């Protein structure tokens, strides 16, 4: 019997795991963002590296990372919070969707879209610099 009992998951353990799932997505997102930002800053610190196509593409990648991974992290976090809420509150008229539990970070979205826009401007600056180097 003890082996069978250990395979069962209690309500408290399930809520604990769901709580971790509600916290980890944004932590992982920001750790990956900081790691990639570190690489961007290292590449930009090289001579001639600030206005290079590689820096612009890394900046664009950071923008897409924040935009798409921020959306995914919001969905995962909200789904985990909804599951915790459903497990803890017994309300017969409540379905899976509870609008009050939806959480979305507009700061992450705006920051990501801003980085994508800045990357586009940097790409135009790189092209203009290359044209200037050719004509001079």
Protein backbone atom coordinates (compact mmCIF):
# COMPACT_ATOMS: atom_id res chain seq x y z
CA UNK A 1 0.00 0.00 0.00
CA UNK A 2 2.73 2.58 0.66
CA UNK A 3 3.90 2.45 -2.98
CA UNK A 4 0.40 3.19 -4.19
CA UNK A 5 -0.02 6.02 -1.70
CA UNK A 6 3.20 7.70 -2.86
CA UNK A 7 1.96 7.70 -6.47
CA UNK A 8 -1.13 9.66 -5.52
CA UNK A 9 -0.86 13.42 -5.55
CA UNK A 10 -2.67 15.37 -2.88
CA UNK A 11 -4.61 18.56 -3.41
CA UNK A 12 -1.98 20.51 -1.52
CA UNK A 13 0.87 19.13 -3.63
CA UNK A 14 -1.03 19.91 -6.83
CA UNK A 15 -1.67 23.48 -5.75
CA UNK A 16 2.01 23.81 -4.80
CA UNK A 17 3.11 22.65 -8.24
CA UNK A 18 0.61 24.93 -9.93
CA UNK A 19 1.86 27.83 -7.80
CA UNK A 20 5.40 27.15 -9.02
CA UNK A 21 4.09 27.08 -12.58
CA UNK A 22 2.48 30.47 -11.96
CA UNK A 23 5.78 31.98 -10.80
CA UNK A 24 8.45 30.41 -13.02
CA UNK A 25 7.51 31.60 -16.56
CA UNK A 26 8.38 35.26 -16.01
CA UNK A 27 11.49 34.36 -14.04
CA UNK A 28 12.74 32.17 -16.87
CA UNK A 29 11.80 34.82 -19.44
CA UNK A 30 13.77 37.56 -17.68
CA UNK A 31 16.78 35.31 -17.03
CA UNK A 32 16.93 34.37 -20.73
CA UNK A 33 16.46 38.04 -21.66
CA UNK A 34 19.32 39.14 -19.40
CA UNK A 35 21.57 36.38 -20.75
CA UNK A 36 20.86 37.42 -24.35
CA UNK A 37 21.26 41.11 -23.44
CA UNK A 38 24.69 40.27 -22.06
CA UNK A 39 25.65 38.80 -25.44
CA UNK A 40 24.28 41.84 -27.24
CA UNK A 41 26.29 44.23 -25.08
CA UNK A 42 29.46 42.17 -25.57
CA UNK A 43 28.99 42.25 -29.35
CA UNK A 44 28.23 45.98 -29.31
CA UNK A 45 31.37 46.69 -27.26
CA UNK A 46 33.61 45.39 -30.05
CA UNK A 47 35.15 47.99 -32.38
CA UNK A 48 32.56 48.87 -35.01
CA UNK A 49 30.10 46.54 -33.37
CA UNK A 50 27.46 49.05 -32.33
CA UNK A 51 26.21 49.81 -35.83
CA UNK A 52 26.58 46.36 -37.32
CA UNK A 53 23.99 43.99 -38.79
CA UNK A 54 24.77 41.46 -36.06
CA UNK A 55 23.89 43.91 -33.29
CA UNK A 56 20.68 44.92 -35.05
CA UNK A 57 19.63 41.29 -35.50
CA UNK A 58 20.41 40.50 -31.86
CA UNK A 59 18.36 43.49 -30.78
CA UNK A 60 15.47 42.38 -33.01
CA UNK A 61 15.71 38.87 -31.55
CA UNK A 62 15.53 40.33 -28.02
CA UNK A 63 12.41 42.25 -29.02
CA UNK A 64 10.72 39.14 -30.40
CA UNK A 65 11.79 37.19 -27.32
CA UNK A 66 10.10 39.69 -25.02
CA UNK A 67 7.01 40.00 -27.21
CA UNK A 68 6.29 36.32 -27.86
CA UNK A 69 7.75 34.75 -24.72
CA UNK A 70 6.02 37.44 -22.63
CA UNK A 71 2.72 36.46 -24.19
CA UNK A 72 3.43 32.76 -23.59
CA UNK A 73 4.49 33.42 -19.99
CA UNK A 74 1.27 35.38 -19.40
CA UNK A 75 -0.84 32.53 -20.76
CA UNK A 76 1.00 29.92 -18.67
CA UNK A 77 0.82 32.02 -15.52
CA UNK A 78 -2.87 32.82 -15.99
CA UNK A 79 -3.75 29.18 -16.72
CA UNK A 80 -1.93 28.06 -13.56
CA UNK A 81 -3.69 30.70 -11.45
CA UNK A 82 -7.06 29.70 -12.90
CA UNK A 83 -6.37 26.03 -12.12
CA UNK A 84 -5.42 26.94 -8.53
CA UNK A 85 -8.58 29.03 -8.22
CA UNK A 86 -10.77 26.20 -9.55
CA UNK A 87 -9.15 23.68 -7.18
CA UNK A 88 -9.61 25.89 -4.12
CA UNK A 89 -13.03 27.43 -4.79
CA UNK A 90 -16.03 25.18 -5.28
CA UNK A 91 -18.47 27.30 -7.24
CA UNK A 92 -20.86 25.35 -9.49
CA UNK A 93 -21.38 28.12 -12.07
CA UNK A 94 -17.68 28.71 -12.57
CA UNK A 95 -16.14 27.24 -15.67
CA UNK A 96 -12.51 27.14 -16.65
CA UNK A 97 -12.42 30.78 -17.71
CA UNK A 98 -12.40 33.40 -15.00
CA UNK A 99 -11.64 36.88 -16.42
CA UNK A 100 -10.36 38.22 -13.10
CA UNK A 101 -7.50 35.71 -13.18
CA UNK A 102 -6.10 36.82 -16.54
CA UNK A 103 -2.76 38.57 -16.12
CA UNK A 104 -0.89 40.19 -18.99
CA UNK A 105 2.25 42.32 -18.78
CA UNK A 106 1.86 45.29 -21.09
CA UNK A 107 5.30 46.48 -20.02
CA UNK A 108 6.88 43.38 -21.53
CA UNK A 109 4.86 43.79 -24.73
CA UNK A 110 5.70 47.49 -25.14
CA UNK A 111 9.38 46.90 -24.35
CA UNK A 112 9.55 44.07 -26.90
CA UNK A 113 7.85 46.09 -29.62
CA UNK A 114 10.12 49.05 -28.86
CA UNK A 115 13.21 46.86 -29.22
CA UNK A 116 11.93 45.57 -32.58
CA UNK A 117 11.40 49.16 -33.76
CA UNK A 118 14.84 50.26 -32.57
CA UNK A 119 16.36 47.27 -34.38
CA UNK A 120 14.66 48.35 -37.61
CA UNK A 121 16.06 51.86 -37.20
CA UNK A 122 19.51 50.39 -36.55
CA UNK A 123 19.28 48.27 -39.71
CA UNK A 124 18.46 51.42 -41.71
CA UNK A 125 21.40 53.19 -40.05
CA UNK A 126 23.72 50.31 -40.96
CA UNK A 127 22.58 50.46 -44.60
CA UNK A 128 23.07 54.22 -44.70
CA UNK A 129 26.55 53.86 -43.18
CA UNK A 130 27.49 51.23 -45.75
CA UNK A 131 26.29 53.51 -48.57
CA UNK A 132 28.28 56.38 -47.11
CA UNK A 133 31.40 54.22 -46.88
CA UNK A 134 31.00 53.21 -50.54
CA UNK A 135 30.56 56.77 -51.81
CA UNK A 136 33.47 58.22 -49.81
